Amino acid sequence: MRTEYSSDELLAEHAYEHPLALDGVPCHGGFVGGRYVSPRTLWRAPAIASWQAHLPAGELAAVLDPISARVPPHFPGVEQTKLLVRHGVTVPLVRILTIIALVEGFGGDVLRLVALPPLVERVLDPIDGTALTHLGALFEAHARDEAGHRRMWELARDVALDRPPIPKDLASSVTPAGSPRVLSEIPFDTEALILRMMGVLVVEVFAVEAFRWAREVLGDRTLFPRHDESRTLIEYIQQDETPHVGYLATALAELRCRRLAGLTGEPAPGKAVIDRARDAIVAAQAGPRHRANVQFRMNVIERCVEGHPRRAELMGDFGEALR
């Protein structure tokens, strides 16, 4: 199987019969044979499949399964969100959809700006024909995808809620937190790359809950006249995320089954390094960060219903609503 690809190939598009657009807003991707095809996947998708085929058995699952097992529930839940919308309380929904859009746009640049270390020096085993040797182009493709996703999430919000007013105080909600050193046995540039890739991968895997929530909420025909268009747009975005999870997990699995250059002169086993990075980031994202998000969103909801004529009853029903 072919394992070497040029940057132009990894950024190449299919020959679309017509592009994706809604309400006059051009999006990325397009249609082939009536089926939506994600952007920049002409060669990127087969490349990822080829690199994964060369991994030792179980390495990909070793990276992904512990992340998938810790996906926290979305808050507010589907029924809680629908309850708020039925009572005219739409600001929490608008805020969450807007923040998702902002995070998507920011997430691409987070990778695009990574300074790639000299991997042939930092990885002690051969890396020819791997995702690792193609990270520059893969990061660029990812960044371009996410720029498109910001527009698509905003469009899904505007289609569902008829272009609602957007809160002005959202910038601080997407400020990234600093990361202390957790992989001190390897050079800083290698640690920075691993933590950045793992951080984005965890966000991408955890996003499965946000996609489920958004599809079910925006797809409710009793609440949103254009439910089908909004839900379909979310489904297209989720499809686009497949190569992101694919290449990030593959590159990290490639590091996991190799020896890494250590600061003491002794090799650092990739398995120990990658597993520790994964566990630290998952614990933070599923634990204190998730709890902080839930508390912040709860505060927003309480503020939004403060003057509601049925506030007590609404908040009582909100607490009892199933996810």
Protein backbone atom coordinates (compact mmCIF):
# COMPACT_ATOMS: atom_id res chain seq x y z
CA MET A 1 0.00 0.00 0.00
CA ARG A 2 1.18 3.48 -0.78
CA THR A 3 2.41 5.45 2.26
CA GLU A 4 4.12 8.57 0.83
CA TYR A 5 2.05 11.60 -0.24
CA SER A 6 2.87 15.14 -1.26
CA SER A 7 1.42 18.15 0.55
CA ASP A 8 -0.63 19.00 -2.54
CA GLU A 9 -2.14 15.52 -2.55
CA LEU A 10 -3.12 15.70 1.13
CA LEU A 11 -4.87 19.01 0.45
CA ALA A 12 -6.53 17.88 -2.80
CA GLU A 13 -10.29 18.03 -3.34
CA HIS A 14 -12.66 15.71 -5.14
CA ALA A 15 -14.18 16.89 -8.42
CA TYR A 16 -17.49 18.04 -6.95
CA GLU A 17 -20.61 18.10 -9.08
CA HIS A 18 -21.71 21.11 -7.04
CA PRO A 19 -20.43 22.68 -3.81
CA LEU A 20 -22.20 22.79 -0.47
CA ALA A 21 -24.01 26.08 0.13
CA LEU A 22 -27.02 27.13 2.19
CA ASP A 23 -28.90 30.45 2.21
CA GLY A 24 -26.32 31.81 -0.20
CA VAL A 25 -23.47 31.02 2.21
CA PRO A 26 -20.74 28.93 0.57
CA CYS A 27 -19.37 26.12 2.71
CA HIS A 28 -16.61 23.64 2.03
CA GLY A 29 -17.03 20.15 0.63
CA GLY A 30 -19.52 19.23 -2.04
CA PHE A 31 -21.54 16.51 -3.67
CA VAL A 32 -20.51 13.56 -5.82
CA GLY A 33 -23.27 11.29 -7.08
CA GLY A 34 -25.71 13.11 -4.80
CA ARG A 35 -23.65 12.27 -1.70
CA TYR A 36 -21.82 14.81 0.46
CA VAL A 37 -18.04 14.38 0.32
CA SER A 38 -15.81 16.04 2.91
CA PRO A 39 -13.18 18.57 1.82
CA ARG A 40 -9.56 17.64 1.17
CA THR A 41 -10.16 13.90 1.37
CA LEU A 42 -9.29 12.81 -2.17
CA TRP A 43 -5.95 11.44 -0.97
CA ARG A 44 -6.03 12.24 2.74
CA ALA A 45 -8.61 9.53 3.51
CA PRO A 46 -6.77 6.70 1.71
CA ALA A 47 -3.47 7.91 3.16
CA ILE A 48 -4.79 7.62 6.72
CA ALA A 49 -6.16 4.14 5.98
CA SER A 50 -2.76 3.10 4.60
CA TRP A 51 -0.82 4.41 7.61
CA GLN A 52 -3.24 2.71 9.97
CA ALA A 53 -2.81 -0.59 8.12
CA HIS A 54 0.91 -0.49 8.95
CA LEU A 55 0.36 -0.07 12.70
CA PRO A 56 0.87 -3.06 15.00
CA ALA A 57 -2.40 -4.67 16.03
CA GLY A 58 -4.09 -2.90 18.92
CA GLU A 59 -2.03 0.31 18.83
CA LEU A 60 -4.82 2.52 17.46
CA ALA A 61 -7.32 1.19 19.99
CA ALA A 62 -4.78 1.70 22.77
CA VAL A 63 -4.80 5.42 22.00
CA LEU A 64 -8.52 5.88 21.34
CA ASP A 65 -10.40 3.51 23.64
CA PRO A 66 -9.39 5.12 26.96
CA ILE A 67 -10.54 8.48 25.56
CA SER A 68 -13.87 7.18 24.25
CA ALA A 69 -14.54 5.53 27.61
CA ARG A 70 -14.43 8.88 29.43
CA VAL A 71 -16.64 11.08 27.22
CA PRO A 72 -18.65 13.22 29.68
CA PRO A 73 -22.37 13.88 29.18
CA HIS A 74 -23.36 17.09 27.47
CA PHE A 75 -24.85 19.83 29.62
CA PRO A 76 -27.52 20.95 29.34
CA GLY A 77 -28.95 17.70 28.04
CA VAL A 78 -31.19 17.35 25.01
CA GLU A 79 -34.49 17.46 26.91
CA GLN A 80 -33.29 20.25 29.18
CA THR A 81 -32.30 22.36 26.17
CA LYS A 82 -35.61 21.71 24.42
CA LEU A 83 -37.49 22.67 27.59
CA LEU A 84 -35.71 26.02 27.69
CA VAL A 85 -36.39 26.70 24.01
CA ARG A 86 -40.11 25.85 24.42
CA HIS A 87 -40.30 28.51 27.10
CA GLY A 88 -38.56 31.09 24.96
CA VAL A 89 -35.19 30.80 26.70
CA THR A 90 -32.88 30.49 23.70
CA VAL A 91 -29.79 32.41 24.84
CA PRO A 92 -28.08 29.33 26.41
CA LEU A 93 -28.48 27.43 23.13
CA VAL A 94 -27.19 30.37 21.10
CA ARG A 95 -24.19 30.72 23.41
CA ILE A 96 -23.23 27.05 23.23
CA LEU A 97 -23.52 26.88 19.43
CA THR A 98 -21.49 30.07 19.07
CA ILE A 99 -18.77 28.87 21.43
CA ILE A 100 -18.56 25.57 19.54
CA ALA A 101 -18.07 27.57 16.34
CA LEU A 102 -15.35 29.70 17.95
CA VAL A 103 -13.55 26.66 19.36
CA GLU A 104 -13.65 24.96 15.96
CA GLY A 105 -12.02 27.94 14.29
CA PHE A 106 -9.43 28.30 17.04
CA GLY A 107 -8.66 24.56 17.15
CA GLY A 108 -7.36 24.49 13.61
CA ASP A 109 -4.91 27.32 14.22
CA VAL A 110 -3.69 25.62 17.40
CA LEU A 111 -2.20 22.89 15.21
CA ARG A 112 -1.21 25.03 12.25
CA LEU A 113 1.06 27.11 14.51
CA VAL A 114 2.85 24.13 16.06
CA ALA A 115 6.60 24.18 15.44
CA LEU A 116 7.41 20.67 14.27
CA PRO A 117 10.51 19.24 15.98
CA PRO A 118 13.11 17.32 13.96
CA LEU A 119 11.28 14.02 14.25
CA VAL A 120 14.04 11.99 12.60
CA GLU A 121 16.18 12.99 15.59
CA ARG A 122 13.47 12.79 18.25
CA VAL A 123 12.13 9.36 17.22
CA LEU A 124 14.79 6.64 17.44
CA ASP A 125 13.05 4.07 15.23
CA PRO A 126 12.34 4.53 11.49
CA ILE A 127 9.36 6.75 10.63
CA ASP A 128 9.43 6.57 6.83
CA GLY A 129 5.96 6.24 5.32
CA THR A 130 4.07 7.28 8.46
CA ALA A 131 1.58 9.99 9.34
CA LEU A 132 4.37 11.52 11.44
CA THR A 133 6.35 12.49 8.35
CA HIS A 134 3.29 14.21 6.87
CA LEU A 135 2.19 16.26 9.88
CA GLY A 136 2.80 19.66 8.29
CA ALA A 137 0.29 19.06 5.48
CA LEU A 138 -2.12 17.23 7.80
CA PHE A 139 -2.13 20.14 10.23
CA GLU A 140 -2.80 22.56 7.37
CA ALA A 141 -5.70 20.45 6.07
CA HIS A 142 -7.12 20.24 9.59
CA ALA A 143 -6.88 24.03 10.05
CA ARG A 144 -8.65 24.69 6.75
CA ASP A 145 -11.40 22.23 7.69
CA GLU A 146 -11.98 23.90 11.04
CA ALA A 147 -12.17 27.37 9.50
CA GLY A 148 -14.99 25.99 7.37
CA HIS A 149 -16.61 24.38 10.38
CA ARG A 150 -16.80 27.68 12.22
CA ARG A 151 -18.88 29.03 9.38
CA MET A 152 -21.02 25.88 9.24
CA TRP A 153 -21.80 25.86 12.98
CA GLU A 154 -22.74 29.53 12.79
CA LEU A 155 -24.91 28.80 9.77
CA ALA A 156 -26.66 25.90 11.54
CA ARG A 157 -27.37 28.23 14.47
CA ASP A 158 -28.67 31.02 12.23
CA VAL A 159 -30.85 28.68 10.16
CA ALA A 160 -32.41 27.09 13.25
CA LEU A 161 -32.89 30.26 15.28
CA ASP A 162 -33.45 32.76 12.46
CA ARG A 163 -30.22 34.74 12.94
CA PRO A 164 -30.43 35.37 16.70
CA PRO A 165 -28.51 38.15 18.48
CA ILE A 166 -25.06 36.89 19.51
CA PRO A 167 -23.79 37.57 23.06
CA LYS A 168 -20.73 39.83 23.13
CA ASP A 169 -18.92 38.21 26.06
CA LEU A 170 -17.77 34.96 24.49
CA ALA A 171 -14.06 35.58 23.78
CA SER A 172 -12.89 34.63 27.28
CA SER A 173 -14.72 31.32 27.00
CA VAL A 174 -12.24 29.98 24.46
CA THR A 175 -8.95 31.13 25.98
CA PRO A 176 -6.65 28.09 26.16
CA ALA A 177 -5.18 27.13 29.49
CA GLY A 178 -1.44 26.74 29.88
CA SER A 179 -0.04 23.21 30.19
CA PRO A 180 2.55 22.29 32.83
CA ARG A 181 5.28 19.88 31.85
CA VAL A 182 4.13 16.29 32.22
CA LEU A 183 6.66 14.59 29.90
CA SER A 184 9.87 15.95 31.35
CA GLU A 185 11.97 13.00 30.21
CA ILE A 186 11.79 14.09 26.54
CA PRO A 187 12.79 17.36 24.83
CA PHE A 188 10.34 20.23 25.26
CA ASP A 189 9.57 20.48 21.53
CA THR A 190 8.54 16.81 21.40
CA GLU A 191 6.43 17.18 24.53
CA ALA A 192 4.74 20.28 23.12
CA LEU A 193 3.85 18.44 19.92
CA ILE A 194 2.49 15.39 21.74
CA LEU A 195 0.43 17.42 24.22
CA ARG A 196 -1.00 19.62 21.48
CA MET A 197 -1.99 16.67 19.29
CA MET A 198 -3.38 14.70 22.22
CA GLY A 199 -5.29 17.72 23.49
CA VAL A 200 -6.97 18.26 20.13
CA LEU A 201 -7.67 14.53 19.76
CA VAL A 202 -9.40 14.38 23.15
CA VAL A 203 -11.55 17.39 22.21
CA GLU A 204 -12.43 15.76 18.87
CA VAL A 205 -13.41 12.45 20.49
CA PHE A 206 -15.36 14.14 23.29
CA ALA A 207 -17.21 16.16 20.62
CA VAL A 208 -19.26 13.08 19.76
CA GLU A 209 -21.58 14.12 22.61
CA ALA A 210 -21.87 17.69 21.31
CA PHE A 211 -22.78 16.38 17.86
CA ARG A 212 -25.40 14.03 19.29
CA TRP A 213 -26.86 16.86 21.37
CA ALA A 214 -26.89 19.33 18.47
CA ARG A 215 -28.46 16.86 16.03
CA GLU A 216 -31.25 15.96 18.44
CA VAL A 217 -31.97 19.53 19.55
CA LEU A 218 -31.78 21.32 16.20
CA GLY A 219 -33.49 18.38 14.49
CA ASP A 220 -36.67 18.79 16.54
CA ARG A 221 -39.44 19.59 14.06
CA THR A 222 -41.70 20.95 16.81
CA LEU A 223 -39.19 23.66 17.74
CA PHE A 224 -37.41 24.62 14.53
CA PRO A 225 -39.13 25.08 11.16
CA ARG A 226 -35.86 24.37 9.32
CA HIS A 227 -34.91 21.42 11.51
CA ASP A 228 -33.89 19.17 8.62
CA GLU A 229 -31.41 21.68 7.16
CA SER A 230 -29.81 22.40 10.54
CA ARG A 231 -29.49 18.73 11.47
CA THR A 232 -28.05 17.81 8.08
CA LEU A 233 -25.44 20.55 8.30
CA ILE A 234 -24.34 19.21 11.71
CA GLU A 235 -24.10 15.73 10.21
CA TYR A 236 -21.83 17.03 7.44
CA ILE A 237 -19.54 18.66 10.01
CA GLN A 238 -19.37 15.43 12.00
CA GLN A 239 -18.45 13.52 8.85
CA ASP A 240 -15.64 16.02 8.23
CA GLU A 241 -14.18 15.27 11.67
CA THR A 242 -13.42 11.63 10.78
CA PRO A 243 -10.02 12.30 9.19
CA HIS A 244 -9.05 14.54 12.12
CA VAL A 245 -9.50 11.76 14.66
CA GLY A 246 -7.98 9.35 12.16
CA TYR A 247 -4.64 11.04 11.53
CA LEU A 248 -4.12 12.33 15.09
CA ALA A 249 -4.74 8.90 16.63
CA THR A 250 -2.55 7.30 13.96
CA ALA A 251 0.41 9.63 14.52
CA LEU A 252 0.18 9.22 18.28
CA ALA A 253 -0.04 5.43 17.89
CA GLU A 254 3.05 5.57 15.68
CA LEU A 255 4.89 7.36 18.49
CA ARG A 256 3.50 4.93 21.06
CA CYS A 257 5.14 1.91 19.42
CA ARG A 258 8.53 3.60 18.98
CA ARG A 259 11.38 4.73 21.17
CA LEU A 260 11.76 8.46 21.72
CA ALA A 261 14.95 10.39 22.37
CA GLY A 262 15.27 11.15 26.09
CA LEU A 263 16.98 14.07 27.76
CA THR A 264 19.28 11.80 29.78
CA GLY A 265 20.58 9.99 26.70
CA GLU A 266 18.46 6.93 27.47
CA PRO A 267 15.54 6.16 25.12
CA ALA A 268 12.07 6.91 26.44
CA PRO A 269 9.49 4.22 25.62
CA GLY A 270 6.76 5.75 23.48
CA LYS A 271 4.07 3.69 25.19
CA ALA A 272 4.76 5.22 28.61
CA VAL A 273 5.00 8.75 27.19
CA ILE A 274 1.84 8.63 25.09
CA ASP A 275 -0.25 6.86 27.73
CA ARG A 276 0.74 9.37 30.41
CA ALA A 277 -0.04 12.33 28.14
CA ARG A 278 -3.41 10.82 27.22
CA ASP A 279 -4.41 10.01 30.78
CA ALA A 280 -3.45 13.46 32.09
CA ILE A 281 -5.41 15.30 29.40
CA VAL A 282 -8.46 13.03 29.63
CA ALA A 283 -8.52 13.40 33.42
CA ALA A 284 -8.41 17.19 33.15
CA GLN A 285 -10.99 17.46 30.36
CA ALA A 286 -13.45 14.94 31.83
CA GLY A 287 -12.93 16.15 35.39
CA PRO A 288 -12.31 19.74 36.52
CA ARG A 289 -12.72 21.33 33.09
CA HIS A 290 -16.05 19.59 32.49
CA ARG A 291 -17.31 20.49 35.97
CA ALA A 292 -16.32 24.12 35.42
CA ASN A 293 -18.18 24.18 32.09
CA VAL A 294 -21.30 22.70 33.67
CA GLN A 295 -21.22 25.25 36.50
CA PHE A 296 -20.67 28.15 34.11
CA ARG A 297 -23.53 27.05 31.85
CA MET A 298 -25.79 26.56 34.86
CA ASN A 299 -25.02 30.12 35.96
CA VAL A 300 -25.92 31.38 32.47
CA ILE A 301 -29.20 29.45 32.49
CA GLU A 302 -30.16 30.81 35.93
CA ARG A 303 -29.40 34.34 34.72
CA CYS A 304 -31.48 33.86 31.59
CA VAL A 305 -34.59 32.67 33.46
CA GLU A 306 -34.30 35.21 36.27
CA GLY A 307 -37.21 37.33 35.06
CA HIS A 308 -39.24 34.51 33.52
CA PRO A 309 -42.88 34.50 34.72
CA ARG A 310 -42.73 30.73 35.37
CA ARG A 311 -39.19 30.67 36.69
CA ALA A 312 -39.73 28.32 39.67
CA GLU A 313 -41.74 25.81 37.67
CA LEU A 314 -39.32 25.99 34.73
CA MET A 315 -36.24 25.38 36.88
CA GLY A 316 -38.02 22.53 38.65
CA ASP A 317 -38.82 20.89 35.32
CA PHE A 318 -35.27 21.60 34.13
CA GLY A 319 -33.83 19.66 37.07
CA GLU A 320 -36.07 16.69 36.35
CA ALA A 321 -35.62 16.62 32.57
CA LEU A 322 -33.87 13.58 31.19
CA ARG A 323 -30.71 14.02 29.14
